[in-house]
Structures are given as C-alpha cells and as structure tokens.
Amino acid sequence: MAERRCTEVESAIDTLVTEFHKAANNRATVSSAGLTNLVSSQLSNRVKNSEDPTVMAALMKQLNIKDSEGITFQEFWGLIRQLATTEHEQSYKQKKPVECTCRLA
C-alpha cells in the first residue's frame, strides 16, 4: 500500500509542532528565551524586531503569556492564531488575494 503524502495544511501543522519541540528541547514547555529564538528565526517576517526583548515582552503580555512555568504549545498557538488572523484580515482589506511569499515546506 502506497504511503499517503501530507497535504500542505498537514505539513504546516507538522512544522509548527516540530519547531516548537526543537525550541523546547523536546520538553512540554519552552522558555521565554526559546520562544524569542523561535520567533526571531521562524517568524521574523511577521514579528518585526523580535530579537528586541521589549518587543517580545510586549507580545507576551498582549497574549497573556507568563513565563513562570514555561510557555506551553497552547500559548504558542495563540501567537500563531493571532498572526494568521491578521494575515487573513489584511488579505480582505486589499480586496484581492494575497500571494504569500513565504513557504512552510
């Protein structure tokens, strides 16, 4: 039986989970430093100046993320949800489809 290939959406989900696990060193949570590294290396086109601690602190506050016990995947997903929603809304404001310049694969 032939192996089924992942769809683009399935691959995107796999990538998000894999990158979170890398940043968290395969733990259940990632540190704020790990999240900063993840955002600056993988989301630098969506989160400007992510290397700046004040930018990341403001972002974490906006998303109600507290680093006292580490940042969970669910909290990371809140960031992804916010970025995707913003991208979606901007595409409608332009009244034409937006051609994405990024590729997840």
N, C-alpha and C. Protein backbone atom coordinates (compact mmCIF):
# COMPACT_ATOMS: atom_id res chain seq x y z
N MET A 1 0.83 -1.16 0.00
CA MET A 1 0.00 0.00 0.00
C MET A 1 0.90 1.24 0.00
N ALA A 2 0.59 2.18 -0.87
CA ALA A 2 1.39 3.38 -1.01
C ALA A 2 1.19 4.31 0.19
N GLU A 3 2.28 4.92 0.59
CA GLU A 3 2.20 5.86 1.71
C GLU A 3 1.53 7.16 1.24
N ARG A 4 0.59 7.64 2.04
CA ARG A 4 -0.09 8.88 1.69
C ARG A 4 0.79 10.07 2.04
N ARG A 5 0.81 11.02 1.16
CA ARG A 5 1.58 12.24 1.40
C ARG A 5 0.73 13.21 2.21
N CYS A 6 1.39 13.98 3.02
CA CYS A 6 0.69 15.01 3.79
C CYS A 6 0.21 16.12 2.86
N THR A 7 -0.92 16.67 3.20
CA THR A 7 -1.39 17.86 2.49
C THR A 7 -0.57 19.05 2.95
N GLU A 8 -0.72 20.18 2.28
CA GLU A 8 0.02 21.38 2.68
C GLU A 8 -0.36 21.81 4.09
N VAL A 9 -1.64 21.71 4.43
CA VAL A 9 -2.08 22.11 5.77
C VAL A 9 -1.52 21.15 6.81
N GLU A 10 -1.54 19.85 6.53
CA GLU A 10 -0.96 18.87 7.46
C GLU A 10 0.53 19.11 7.65
N SER A 11 1.22 19.42 6.57
CA SER A 11 2.66 19.72 6.66
C SER A 11 2.90 20.98 7.49
N ALA A 12 2.03 21.97 7.34
CA ALA A 12 2.17 23.20 8.12
C ALA A 12 2.01 22.90 9.61
N ILE A 13 1.04 22.08 9.95
CA ILE A 13 0.83 21.69 11.35
C ILE A 13 2.05 20.94 11.87
N ASP A 14 2.53 19.98 11.09
CA ASP A 14 3.72 19.22 11.49
C ASP A 14 4.91 20.15 11.74
N THR A 15 5.07 21.14 10.87
CA THR A 15 6.17 22.09 11.01
C THR A 15 6.04 22.89 12.30
N LEU A 16 4.85 23.38 12.60
CA LEU A 16 4.64 24.15 13.83
C LEU A 16 4.97 23.33 15.07
N VAL A 17 4.49 22.09 15.09
CA VAL A 17 4.75 21.22 16.24
C VAL A 17 6.24 20.90 16.35
N THR A 18 6.85 20.56 15.24
CA THR A 18 8.27 20.21 15.23
C THR A 18 9.15 21.38 15.68
N GLU A 19 8.88 22.56 15.17
CA GLU A 19 9.68 23.73 15.54
C GLU A 19 9.49 24.09 17.01
N PHE A 20 8.27 23.92 17.54
CA PHE A 20 8.05 24.16 18.97
C PHE A 20 8.86 23.16 19.78
N HIS A 21 8.81 21.88 19.40
CA HIS A 21 9.57 20.86 20.13
C HIS A 21 11.07 21.14 20.10
N LYS A 22 11.58 21.59 18.96
CA LYS A 22 13.00 21.94 18.87
C LYS A 22 13.34 23.07 19.84
N ALA A 23 12.51 24.12 19.82
CA ALA A 23 12.76 25.28 20.69
C ALA A 23 12.66 24.91 22.16
N ALA A 24 11.81 23.93 22.47
CA ALA A 24 11.60 23.50 23.86
C ALA A 24 12.54 22.37 24.27
N ASN A 25 13.47 22.00 23.39
CA ASN A 25 14.37 20.87 23.66
C ASN A 25 13.58 19.61 24.02
N ASN A 26 12.50 19.39 23.27
CA ASN A 26 11.62 18.22 23.44
C ASN A 26 10.96 18.15 24.82
N ARG A 27 10.79 19.30 25.44
CA ARG A 27 10.05 19.37 26.71
C ARG A 27 8.63 19.85 26.41
N ALA A 28 7.80 19.83 27.42
CA ALA A 28 6.40 20.24 27.25
C ALA A 28 6.25 21.75 27.10
N THR A 29 7.22 22.50 27.63
CA THR A 29 7.15 23.96 27.55
C THR A 29 8.47 24.52 27.04
N VAL A 30 8.40 25.74 26.54
CA VAL A 30 9.59 26.44 26.06
C VAL A 30 9.81 27.67 26.95
N SER A 31 11.05 28.01 27.16
CA SER A 31 11.38 29.20 27.96
C SER A 31 11.12 30.45 27.12
N SER A 32 11.12 31.60 27.78
CA SER A 32 10.93 32.85 27.02
C SER A 32 12.09 33.05 26.05
N ALA A 33 13.30 32.66 26.44
CA ALA A 33 14.45 32.76 25.53
C ALA A 33 14.26 31.83 24.33
N GLY A 34 13.75 30.63 24.59
CA GLY A 34 13.48 29.70 23.50
C GLY A 34 12.40 30.22 22.56
N LEU A 35 11.37 30.84 23.14
CA LEU A 35 10.31 31.42 22.31
C LEU A 35 10.86 32.57 21.47
N THR A 36 11.69 33.39 22.09
CA THR A 36 12.30 34.50 21.34
C THR A 36 13.12 33.98 20.18
N ASN A 37 13.92 32.94 20.42
CA ASN A 37 14.71 32.34 19.34
C ASN A 37 13.81 31.76 18.25
N LEU A 38 12.74 31.09 18.65
CA LEU A 38 11.81 30.51 17.68
C LEU A 38 11.16 31.59 16.84
N VAL A 39 10.68 32.63 17.49
CA VAL A 39 10.01 33.72 16.76
C VAL A 39 10.99 34.45 15.85
N SER A 40 12.18 34.76 16.34
CA SER A 40 13.14 35.50 15.51
C SER A 40 13.68 34.67 14.36
N SER A 41 13.75 33.36 14.52
CA SER A 41 14.27 32.52 13.42
C SER A 41 13.19 32.07 12.45
N GLN A 42 11.96 31.90 12.93
CA GLN A 42 10.91 31.33 12.09
C GLN A 42 9.78 32.29 11.73
N LEU A 43 9.66 33.39 12.47
CA LEU A 43 8.54 34.31 12.24
C LEU A 43 9.02 35.75 12.07
N SER A 44 10.25 35.93 11.64
CA SER A 44 10.83 37.27 11.57
C SER A 44 10.15 38.17 10.54
N ASN A 45 9.48 37.60 9.55
CA ASN A 45 8.73 38.42 8.59
C ASN A 45 7.37 38.84 9.13
N ARG A 46 6.91 38.20 10.18
CA ARG A 46 5.60 38.50 10.77
C ARG A 46 5.72 39.27 12.08
N VAL A 47 6.80 39.06 12.82
CA VAL A 47 7.04 39.76 14.09
C VAL A 47 8.34 40.55 13.92
N LYS A 48 8.20 41.82 13.64
CA LYS A 48 9.37 42.67 13.41
C LYS A 48 10.10 42.94 14.72
N ASN A 49 11.42 43.01 14.63
CA ASN A 49 12.29 43.30 15.78
C ASN A 49 12.11 42.30 16.92
N SER A 50 11.88 41.05 16.57
CA SER A 50 11.62 40.04 17.60
C SER A 50 12.84 39.76 18.48
N GLU A 51 14.04 40.18 18.04
CA GLU A 51 15.23 39.99 18.87
C GLU A 51 15.25 40.97 20.04
N ASP A 52 14.47 42.04 19.92
CA ASP A 52 14.40 43.07 20.95
C ASP A 52 13.58 42.56 22.14
N PRO A 53 14.19 42.46 23.31
CA PRO A 53 13.46 41.93 24.48
C PRO A 53 12.17 42.69 24.80
N THR A 54 12.15 44.00 24.54
CA THR A 54 10.93 44.76 24.84
C THR A 54 9.80 44.40 23.89
N VAL A 55 10.14 44.08 22.64
CA VAL A 55 9.12 43.67 21.67
C VAL A 55 8.51 42.34 22.10
N MET A 56 9.37 41.39 22.48
CA MET A 56 8.87 40.08 22.90
C MET A 56 8.10 40.18 24.21
N ALA A 57 8.56 41.02 25.13
CA ALA A 57 7.85 41.20 26.40
C ALA A 57 6.46 41.76 26.15
N ALA A 58 6.36 42.74 25.25
CA ALA A 58 5.05 43.32 24.93
C ALA A 58 4.15 42.29 24.25
N LEU A 59 4.73 41.49 23.37
CA LEU A 59 3.95 40.45 22.69
C LEU A 59 3.44 39.42 23.68
N MET A 60 4.29 38.99 24.59
CA MET A 60 3.88 38.01 25.60
C MET A 60 2.80 38.58 26.51
N LYS A 61 2.92 39.85 26.85
CA LYS A 61 1.90 40.49 27.68
C LYS A 61 0.57 40.58 26.93
N GLN A 62 0.63 40.96 25.67
CA GLN A 62 -0.57 41.07 24.84
C GLN A 62 -1.30 39.73 24.75
N LEU A 63 -0.55 38.65 24.70
CA LEU A 63 -1.13 37.31 24.58
C LEU A 63 -1.38 36.66 25.94
N ASN A 64 -1.14 37.40 27.03
CA ASN A 64 -1.31 36.88 28.39
C ASN A 64 -0.45 35.65 28.66
N ILE A 65 0.77 35.67 28.12
CA ILE A 65 1.70 34.57 28.33
C ILE A 65 2.60 34.92 29.50
N LYS A 66 2.63 34.05 30.49
CA LYS A 66 3.51 34.22 31.64
C LYS A 66 4.58 33.13 31.58
N ASP A 67 5.81 33.51 31.80
CA ASP A 67 6.92 32.57 31.67
C ASP A 67 7.28 31.90 32.99
N SER A 68 6.45 32.02 33.99
CA SER A 68 6.80 31.49 35.31
C SER A 68 7.04 29.98 35.28
N GLU A 69 6.29 29.26 34.48
CA GLU A 69 6.46 27.80 34.41
C GLU A 69 6.77 27.34 32.99
N GLY A 70 7.18 28.23 32.15
CA GLY A 70 7.42 27.89 30.76
C GLY A 70 6.20 28.19 29.92
N ILE A 71 6.41 28.27 28.63
CA ILE A 71 5.36 28.62 27.68
C ILE A 71 4.88 27.35 27.01
N THR A 72 3.60 27.09 27.08
CA THR A 72 3.03 25.86 26.52
C THR A 72 2.80 26.00 25.02
N PHE A 73 2.58 24.86 24.38
CA PHE A 73 2.24 24.89 22.96
C PHE A 73 0.94 25.64 22.76
N GLN A 74 0.00 25.49 23.66
CA GLN A 74 -1.28 26.20 23.55
C GLN A 74 -1.07 27.72 23.54
N GLU A 75 -0.16 28.20 24.37
CA GLU A 75 0.15 29.63 24.39
C GLU A 75 0.85 30.04 23.09
N PHE A 76 1.76 29.22 22.61
CA PHE A 76 2.41 29.46 21.32
C PHE A 76 1.37 29.49 20.21
N TRP A 77 0.41 28.59 20.28
CA TRP A 77 -0.65 28.54 19.27
C TRP A 77 -1.45 29.85 19.26
N GLY A 78 -1.61 30.49 20.42
CA GLY A 78 -2.28 31.79 20.47
C GLY A 78 -1.56 32.81 19.61
N LEU A 79 -0.23 32.79 19.63
CA LEU A 79 0.55 33.67 18.77
C LEU A 79 0.31 33.34 17.30
N ILE A 80 0.36 32.06 16.97
CA ILE A 80 0.15 31.63 15.59
C ILE A 80 -1.25 32.05 15.13
N ARG A 81 -2.23 31.83 15.98
CA ARG A 81 -3.62 32.21 15.66
C ARG A 81 -3.71 33.71 15.38
N GLN A 82 -3.07 34.51 16.22
CA GLN A 82 -3.11 35.96 16.04
C GLN A 82 -2.45 36.36 14.71
N LEU A 83 -1.30 35.80 14.42
CA LEU A 83 -0.59 36.14 13.18
C LEU A 83 -1.38 35.70 11.95
N ALA A 84 -1.97 34.51 12.00
CA ALA A 84 -2.76 34.01 10.87
C ALA A 84 -4.02 34.85 10.67
N THR A 85 -4.66 35.24 11.76
CA THR A 85 -5.87 36.06 11.67
C THR A 85 -5.53 37.42 11.06
N THR A 86 -4.44 38.01 11.48
CA THR A 86 -4.01 39.29 10.92
C THR A 86 -3.75 39.16 9.43
N GLU A 87 -3.07 38.11 9.03
CA GLU A 87 -2.78 37.86 7.62
C GLU A 87 -4.07 37.72 6.82
N HIS A 88 -5.00 36.96 7.37
CA HIS A 88 -6.29 36.74 6.71
C HIS A 88 -7.05 38.06 6.55
N GLU A 89 -7.12 38.85 7.61
CA GLU A 89 -7.84 40.13 7.57
C GLU A 89 -7.19 41.09 6.58
N GLN A 90 -5.88 41.12 6.52
CA GLN A 90 -5.19 42.01 5.59
C GLN A 90 -5.48 41.63 4.14
N SER A 91 -5.62 40.34 3.89
CA SER A 91 -5.90 39.92 2.51
C SER A 91 -7.26 40.43 2.04
N TYR A 92 -8.22 40.53 2.95
CA TYR A 92 -9.53 41.05 2.57
C TYR A 92 -9.54 42.56 2.47
N LYS A 93 -8.73 43.24 3.25
CA LYS A 93 -8.65 44.70 3.15
C LYS A 93 -8.12 45.13 1.79
N GLN A 94 -7.26 44.31 1.22
CA GLN A 94 -6.68 44.62 -0.08
C GLN A 94 -7.63 44.27 -1.22
N LYS A 95 -8.72 43.59 -0.90
CA LYS A 95 -9.77 43.20 -1.85
C LYS A 95 -9.24 42.38 -3.02
N LYS A 96 -8.16 41.71 -2.80
CA LYS A 96 -7.63 40.78 -3.79
C LYS A 96 -6.83 39.73 -3.04
N PRO A 97 -6.72 38.56 -3.59
CA PRO A 97 -5.94 37.52 -2.90
C PRO A 97 -4.49 37.97 -2.74
N VAL A 98 -3.94 37.63 -1.61
CA VAL A 98 -2.54 37.96 -1.34
C VAL A 98 -1.70 36.74 -1.68
N GLU A 99 -0.71 36.95 -2.50
CA GLU A 99 0.21 35.86 -2.79
C GLU A 99 1.27 35.84 -1.71
N CYS A 100 1.30 34.76 -0.98
CA CYS A 100 2.24 34.62 0.12
C CYS A 100 3.65 34.43 -0.43
N THR A 101 4.58 35.13 0.16
CA THR A 101 5.97 35.00 -0.26
C THR A 101 6.73 33.99 0.59
N CYS A 102 6.07 33.49 1.64
CA CYS A 102 6.74 32.51 2.49
C CYS A 102 6.29 31.10 2.10
N ARG A 103 7.11 30.16 2.39
CA ARG A 103 6.78 28.75 2.15
C ARG A 103 7.13 27.99 3.40
N LEU A 104 6.20 27.19 3.88
CA LEU A 104 6.42 26.44 5.12
C LEU A 104 7.23 25.17 4.90
N ALA A 105 7.22 24.67 3.71
CA ALA A 105 7.90 23.39 3.46
C ALA A 105 9.32 23.58 3.03
